[in-house]
Amino acid sequence: MMQINNAGSNAYSYKPLMDASDEDLIEVISTNTLGLMICCREAIKMMLTQPRGGHIFNIDGAGSDGRPTPRFAAYGATKRSVVHLTKSLQAELKMQDVKNVIVHNLSPGMVTTDLLMSGAKHKQAKFFINVLAEPAEVVAQYLVPNIRSIPTNGSGRPTYIRFLTGLKAYSQIFSVKQMQKP
């Protein structure tokens, strides 16, 4: 059994936190944090009833590495909580000696979605989206084989699968900057 928790929202709002409405904050936190917790809880309960257990994959996002996310601070804070929740669940399952339910992180990087494109209003944002964002199909071609390679017999360990690594991002930015030189 496998569960991929991929829901995410920034309420299509790219503005400073002090300008965010209560409704926008509630949507972001309800979707990205509370929704993730409920999905993980229910998946673990279900997987514990299965002889082979299962794998839960939590999708992180901008801010998950602790870097600031100006103009979408609430989103970044909730995505930072994804990593913390994943580690906490791993520790809880280990304390309970559960070996056949494993919680992982997936980091797709910048995926060309409506959510991402709605923030492409500033010159800097457009630059990073043009250089770093990939279509969902490209990201899936990398992530799916990596997910499938994880052992399903309970012998596996938690993994953190990253599509857009820091080195890859710097390399892509450097390449573009080199091409722009006269």
C-alpha atoms as a PDB file:
ATOM      1  CA  MET A   1       0.000   0.000   0.000  1.00  0.00           C
ATOM      2  CA  MET A   2       1.239   3.480  -0.813  1.00  0.00           C
ATOM      3  CA  GLN A   3      -0.004   6.957   0.000  1.00  0.00           C
ATOM      4  CA  ILE A   4       1.357  10.105  -1.620  1.00  0.00           C
ATOM      5  CA  ASN A   5       0.363  13.296   0.187  1.00  0.00           C
ATOM      6  CA  ASN A   6       0.621  15.935  -2.512  1.00  0.00           C
ATOM      7  CA  ALA A   7      -1.981  18.546  -1.605  1.00  0.00           C
ATOM      8  CA  GLY A   8      -0.721  22.072  -1.281  1.00  0.00           C
ATOM      9  CA  SER A   9      -2.127  25.574  -1.306  1.00  0.00           C
ATOM     10  CA  ASN A  10      -0.891  29.109  -0.919  1.00  0.00           C
ATOM     11  CA  ALA A  11      -4.436  30.421  -1.484  1.00  0.00           C
ATOM     12  CA  TYR A  12      -3.073  31.846  -4.763  1.00  0.00           C
ATOM     13  CA  SER A  13      -1.805  34.677  -2.605  1.00  0.00           C
ATOM     14  CA  TYR A  14       1.655  36.150  -3.069  1.00  0.00           C
ATOM     15  CA  LYS A  15       1.902  39.025  -0.632  1.00  0.00           C
ATOM     16  CA  PRO A  16       3.535  39.796   2.712  1.00  0.00           C
ATOM     17  CA  LEU A  17       2.096  37.924   5.684  1.00  0.00           C
ATOM     18  CA  MET A  18       0.927  41.195   7.244  1.00  0.00           C
ATOM     19  CA  ASP A  19      -1.368  41.664   4.226  1.00  0.00           C
ATOM     20  CA  ALA A  20      -2.770  38.110   4.211  1.00  0.00           C
ATOM     21  CA  SER A  21      -6.390  37.624   5.184  1.00  0.00           C
ATOM     22  CA  ASP A  22      -7.443  35.225   7.930  1.00  0.00           C
ATOM     23  CA  GLU A  23      -9.273  33.202   5.282  1.00  0.00           C
ATOM     24  CA  ASP A  24      -6.116  32.791   3.194  1.00  0.00           C
ATOM     25  CA  LEU A  25      -4.073  31.735   6.233  1.00  0.00           C
ATOM     26  CA  ILE A  26      -6.720  29.240   7.309  1.00  0.00           C
ATOM     27  CA  GLU A  27      -6.819  27.733   3.799  1.00  0.00           C
ATOM     28  CA  VAL A  28      -3.036  27.362   3.639  1.00  0.00           C
ATOM     29  CA  ILE A  29      -2.674  25.866   7.121  1.00  0.00           C
ATOM     30  CA  SER A  30      -5.751  23.640   6.789  1.00  0.00           C
ATOM     31  CA  THR A  31      -4.576  22.189   3.487  1.00  0.00           C
ATOM     32  CA  ASN A  32      -0.830  21.977   3.984  1.00  0.00           C
ATOM     33  CA  THR A  33      -0.522  21.076   7.668  1.00  0.00           C
ATOM     34  CA  LEU A  34      -3.802  19.831   9.100  1.00  0.00           C
ATOM     35  CA  GLY A  35      -4.707  17.975   5.901  1.00  0.00           C
ATOM     36  CA  LEU A  36      -1.291  16.309   5.836  1.00  0.00           C
ATOM     37  CA  MET A  37      -1.585  15.247   9.482  1.00  0.00           C
ATOM     38  CA  ILE A  38      -5.026  13.738   8.970  1.00  0.00           C
ATOM     39  CA  CYS A  39      -3.947  11.903   5.802  1.00  0.00           C
ATOM     40  CA  CYS A  40      -0.849  10.510   7.545  1.00  0.00           C
ATOM     41  CA  ARG A  41      -2.838   9.428  10.596  1.00  0.00           C
ATOM     42  CA  GLU A  42      -5.435   7.603   8.534  1.00  0.00           C
ATOM     43  CA  ALA A  43      -2.849   6.022   6.227  1.00  0.00           C
ATOM     44  CA  ILE A  44      -0.855   4.701   9.194  1.00  0.00           C
ATOM     45  CA  LYS A  45      -3.998   3.226  10.759  1.00  0.00           C
ATOM     46  CA  MET A  46      -4.882   1.504   7.477  1.00  0.00           C
ATOM     47  CA  MET A  47      -1.333   0.292   6.811  1.00  0.00           C
ATOM     48  CA  LEU A  48      -1.033  -1.229  10.280  1.00  0.00           C
ATOM     49  CA  THR A  49      -3.905  -3.562   9.355  1.00  0.00           C
ATOM     50  CA  GLN A  50      -2.077  -4.748   6.225  1.00  0.00           C
ATOM     51  CA  PRO A  51       0.449  -7.604   6.494  1.00  0.00           C
ATOM     52  CA  ARG A  52       2.926  -5.748   4.261  1.00  0.00           C
ATOM     53  CA  GLY A  53       2.257  -2.343   5.811  1.00  0.00           C
ATOM     54  CA  GLY A  54       3.010   0.445   3.393  1.00  0.00           C
ATOM     55  CA  HIS A  55       4.825   3.605   2.464  1.00  0.00           C
ATOM     56  CA  ILE A  56       3.742   7.197   2.963  1.00  0.00           C
ATOM     57  CA  PHE A  57       5.356   9.884   0.808  1.00  0.00           C
ATOM     58  CA  ASN A  58       4.974  13.476   1.976  1.00  0.00           C
ATOM     59  CA  ILE A  59       5.616  16.168  -0.628  1.00  0.00           C
ATOM     60  CA  ASP A  60       7.551  19.166   0.623  1.00  0.00           C
ATOM     61  CA  GLY A  61       7.857  22.534  -1.080  1.00  0.00           C
ATOM     62  CA  ALA A  62       9.434  25.961  -0.930  1.00  0.00           C
ATOM     63  CA  GLY A  63      10.518  26.686   2.627  1.00  0.00           C
ATOM     64  CA  SER A  64      10.943  23.046   3.611  1.00  0.00           C
ATOM     65  CA  ASP A  65      14.703  23.550   3.876  1.00  0.00           C
ATOM     66  CA  GLY A  66      14.310  26.500   6.238  1.00  0.00           C
ATOM     67  CA  ARG A  67      15.044  29.178   3.649  1.00  0.00           C
ATOM     68  CA  PRO A  68      12.788  32.240   3.711  1.00  0.00           C
ATOM     69  CA  THR A  69       9.771  32.451   1.433  1.00  0.00           C
ATOM     70  CA  PRO A  70       8.917  36.158   1.169  1.00  0.00           C
ATOM     71  CA  ARG A  71       5.446  36.906  -0.209  1.00  0.00           C
ATOM     72  CA  PHE A  72       4.275  33.406   0.725  1.00  0.00           C
ATOM     73  CA  ALA A  73       5.524  32.998   4.290  1.00  0.00           C
ATOM     74  CA  ALA A  74       2.548  30.932   5.450  1.00  0.00           C
ATOM     75  CA  TYR A  75       3.107  28.434   2.629  1.00  0.00           C
ATOM     76  CA  GLY A  76       6.809  28.174   3.451  1.00  0.00           C
ATOM     77  CA  ALA A  77       6.118  27.668   7.148  1.00  0.00           C
ATOM     78  CA  THR A  78       3.659  24.863   6.439  1.00  0.00           C
ATOM     79  CA  LYS A  79       6.063  23.165   4.030  1.00  0.00           C
ATOM     80  CA  ARG A  80       8.801  23.341   6.681  1.00  0.00           C
ATOM     81  CA  SER A  81       6.382  21.460   8.927  1.00  0.00           C
ATOM     82  CA  VAL A  82       6.210  18.622   6.353  1.00  0.00           C
ATOM     83  CA  VAL A  83       9.825  17.667   7.051  1.00  0.00           C
ATOM     84  CA  HIS A  84       9.293  17.898  10.811  1.00  0.00           C
ATOM     85  CA  LEU A  85       6.117  15.825  10.721  1.00  0.00           C
ATOM     86  CA  THR A  86       7.780  13.169   8.565  1.00  0.00           C
ATOM     87  CA  LYS A  87      10.707  12.851  10.996  1.00  0.00           C
ATOM     88  CA  SER A  88       8.348  12.787  13.984  1.00  0.00           C
ATOM     89  CA  LEU A  89       6.239  10.026  12.446  1.00  0.00           C
ATOM     90  CA  GLN A  90       9.387   8.048  11.635  1.00  0.00           C
ATOM     91  CA  ALA A  91      10.432   8.347  15.298  1.00  0.00           C
ATOM     92  CA  GLU A  92       6.965   7.394  16.580  1.00  0.00           C
ATOM     93  CA  LEU A  93       6.824   4.299  14.384  1.00  0.00           C
ATOM     94  CA  LYS A  94      10.335   3.304  15.472  1.00  0.00           C
ATOM     95  CA  MET A  95       9.390   3.736  19.157  1.00  0.00           C
ATOM     96  CA  GLN A  96       6.438   1.410  18.571  1.00  0.00           C
ATOM     97  CA  ASP A  97       8.722  -1.055  16.765  1.00  0.00           C
ATOM     98  CA  VAL A  98       6.673  -0.735  13.562  1.00  0.00           C
ATOM     99  CA  LYS A  99       8.915  -1.847  10.722  1.00  0.00           C
ATOM    100  CA  ASN A 100       6.454  -2.249   7.873  1.00  0.00           C
ATOM    101  CA  VAL A 101       5.106   1.316   7.723  1.00  0.00           C
ATOM    102  CA  ILE A 102       7.672   3.795   6.457  1.00  0.00           C
ATOM    103  CA  VAL A 103       7.271   7.548   6.028  1.00  0.00           C
ATOM    104  CA  HIS A 104       9.342   9.323   3.370  1.00  0.00           C
ATOM    105  CA  ASN A 105       9.803  12.836   1.972  1.00  0.00           C
ATOM    106  CA  LEU A 106       9.601  13.716  -1.705  1.00  0.00           C
ATOM    107  CA  SER A 107      10.928  17.008  -2.973  1.00  0.00           C
ATOM    108  CA  PRO A 108       9.823  17.658  -6.543  1.00  0.00           C
ATOM    109  CA  GLY A 109      11.395  21.100  -6.772  1.00  0.00           C
ATOM    110  CA  MET A 110       9.679  23.714  -8.898  1.00  0.00           C
ATOM    111  CA  VAL A 111       6.942  22.071 -10.945  1.00  0.00           C
ATOM    112  CA  THR A 112       5.091  24.083 -13.571  1.00  0.00           C
ATOM    113  CA  THR A 113       1.598  24.249 -12.073  1.00  0.00           C
ATOM    114  CA  ASP A 114      -1.156  26.861 -11.915  1.00  0.00           C
ATOM    115  CA  LEU A 115      -0.150  27.499  -8.297  1.00  0.00           C
ATOM    116  CA  LEU A 116       3.461  28.249  -9.255  1.00  0.00           C
ATOM    117  CA  MET A 117       2.567  30.305 -12.316  1.00  0.00           C
ATOM    118  CA  SER A 118       0.148  32.467 -10.326  1.00  0.00           C
ATOM    119  CA  GLY A 119       3.200  33.902  -8.561  1.00  0.00           C
ATOM    120  CA  ALA A 120       5.113  34.775 -11.735  1.00  0.00           C
ATOM    121  CA  LYS A 121       4.412  38.486 -11.535  1.00  0.00           C
ATOM    122  CA  HIS A 122       7.807  39.754 -10.390  1.00  0.00           C
ATOM    123  CA  LYS A 123      10.914  39.781 -12.578  1.00  0.00           C
ATOM    124  CA  GLN A 124      12.905  37.659 -10.111  1.00  0.00           C
ATOM    125  CA  ALA A 125      10.115  35.077  -9.815  1.00  0.00           C
ATOM    126  CA  LYS A 126       9.819  34.836 -13.604  1.00  0.00           C
ATOM    127  CA  PHE A 127      13.572  34.265 -13.890  1.00  0.00           C
ATOM    128  CA  PHE A 128      13.612  31.401 -11.375  1.00  0.00           C
ATOM    129  CA  ILE A 129      10.492  29.795 -12.830  1.00  0.00           C
ATOM    130  CA  ASN A 130      11.936  29.965 -16.358  1.00  0.00           C
ATOM    131  CA  VAL A 131      15.270  28.504 -15.233  1.00  0.00           C
ATOM    132  CA  LEU A 132      14.255  25.964 -12.585  1.00  0.00           C
ATOM    133  CA  ALA A 133      10.630  24.901 -13.107  1.00  0.00           C
ATOM    134  CA  GLU A 134       9.935  21.635 -14.899  1.00  0.00           C
ATOM    135  CA  PRO A 135       6.696  20.180 -16.291  1.00  0.00           C
ATOM    136  CA  ALA A 136       5.038  17.608 -14.038  1.00  0.00           C
ATOM    137  CA  GLU A 137       5.784  14.846 -16.556  1.00  0.00           C
ATOM    138  CA  VAL A 138       9.547  15.479 -16.343  1.00  0.00           C
ATOM    139  CA  VAL A 139       9.510  15.431 -12.547  1.00  0.00           C
ATOM    140  CA  ALA A 140       7.394  12.263 -12.523  1.00  0.00           C
ATOM    141  CA  GLN A 141       9.832  10.511 -14.873  1.00  0.00           C
ATOM    142  CA  TYR A 142      12.472  10.969 -12.174  1.00  0.00           C
ATOM    143  CA  LEU A 143      10.420  10.457  -9.005  1.00  0.00           C
ATOM    144  CA  VAL A 144       8.353   7.416  -9.991  1.00  0.00           C
ATOM    145  CA  PRO A 145      11.300   5.059 -10.661  1.00  0.00           C
ATOM    146  CA  ASN A 146      12.910   6.232  -7.420  1.00  0.00           C
ATOM    147  CA  ILE A 147       9.727   5.514  -5.483  1.00  0.00           C
ATOM    148  CA  ARG A 148       9.366   2.115  -7.142  1.00  0.00           C
ATOM    149  CA  SER A 149      12.942   1.175  -6.217  1.00  0.00           C
ATOM    150  CA  ILE A 150      12.156   1.314  -2.485  1.00  0.00           C
ATOM    151  CA  PRO A 151      11.810  -2.194  -1.005  1.00  0.00           C
ATOM    152  CA  THR A 152       8.233  -3.110  -0.133  1.00  0.00           C
ATOM    153  CA  ASN A 153       9.056  -5.949   2.242  1.00  0.00           C
ATOM    154  CA  GLY A 154       9.486  -3.787   5.343  1.00  0.00           C
ATOM    155  CA  SER A 155      13.278  -3.842   5.108  1.00  0.00           C
ATOM    156  CA  GLY A 156      13.478  -0.348   3.651  1.00  0.00           C
ATOM    157  CA  ARG A 157      14.511   2.807   5.427  1.00  0.00           C
ATOM    158  CA  PRO A 158      12.958   6.242   5.233  1.00  0.00           C
ATOM    159  CA  THR A 159      14.215   8.170   2.233  1.00  0.00           C
ATOM    160  CA  TYR A 160      14.257  11.780   1.112  1.00  0.00           C
ATOM    161  CA  ILE A 161      14.024  11.807  -2.678  1.00  0.00           C
ATOM    162  CA  ARG A 162      14.907  15.179  -4.220  1.00  0.00           C
ATOM    163  CA  PHE A 163      14.437  16.110  -7.873  1.00  0.00           C
ATOM    164  CA  LEU A 164      15.782  19.661  -7.790  1.00  0.00           C
ATOM    165  CA  THR A 165      18.910  19.476  -5.657  1.00  0.00           C
ATOM    166  CA  GLY A 166      20.895  22.552  -4.685  1.00  0.00           C
ATOM    167  CA  LEU A 167      23.708  21.550  -7.022  1.00  0.00           C
ATOM    168  CA  LYS A 168      21.298  21.114  -9.936  1.00  0.00           C
ATOM    169  CA  ALA A 169      19.685  24.507  -9.253  1.00  0.00           C
ATOM    170  CA  TYR A 170      23.023  26.315  -9.045  1.00  0.00           C
ATOM    171  CA  SER A 171      24.204  24.580 -12.199  1.00  0.00           C
ATOM    172  CA  GLN A 172      21.098  25.624 -14.148  1.00  0.00           C
ATOM    173  CA  ILE A 173      21.318  29.228 -12.927  1.00  0.00           C
ATOM    174  CA  PHE A 174      25.052  29.386 -13.689  1.00  0.00           C
ATOM    175  CA  SER A 175      24.476  28.019 -17.206  1.00  0.00           C
ATOM    176  CA  VAL A 176      21.828  30.640 -17.949  1.00  0.00           C
ATOM    177  CA  LYS A 177      23.994  33.443 -16.560  1.00  0.00           C
ATOM    178  CA  GLN A 178      26.957  32.254 -18.664  1.00  0.00           C
ATOM    179  CA  MET A 179      24.812  32.298 -21.815  1.00  0.00           C
ATOM    180  CA  GLN A 180      23.675  35.855 -21.035  1.00  0.00           C
ATOM    181  CA  LYS A 181      27.240  37.221 -20.945  1.00  0.00           C
ATOM    182  CA  PRO A 182      28.213  39.303 -24.011  1.00  0.00           C
END
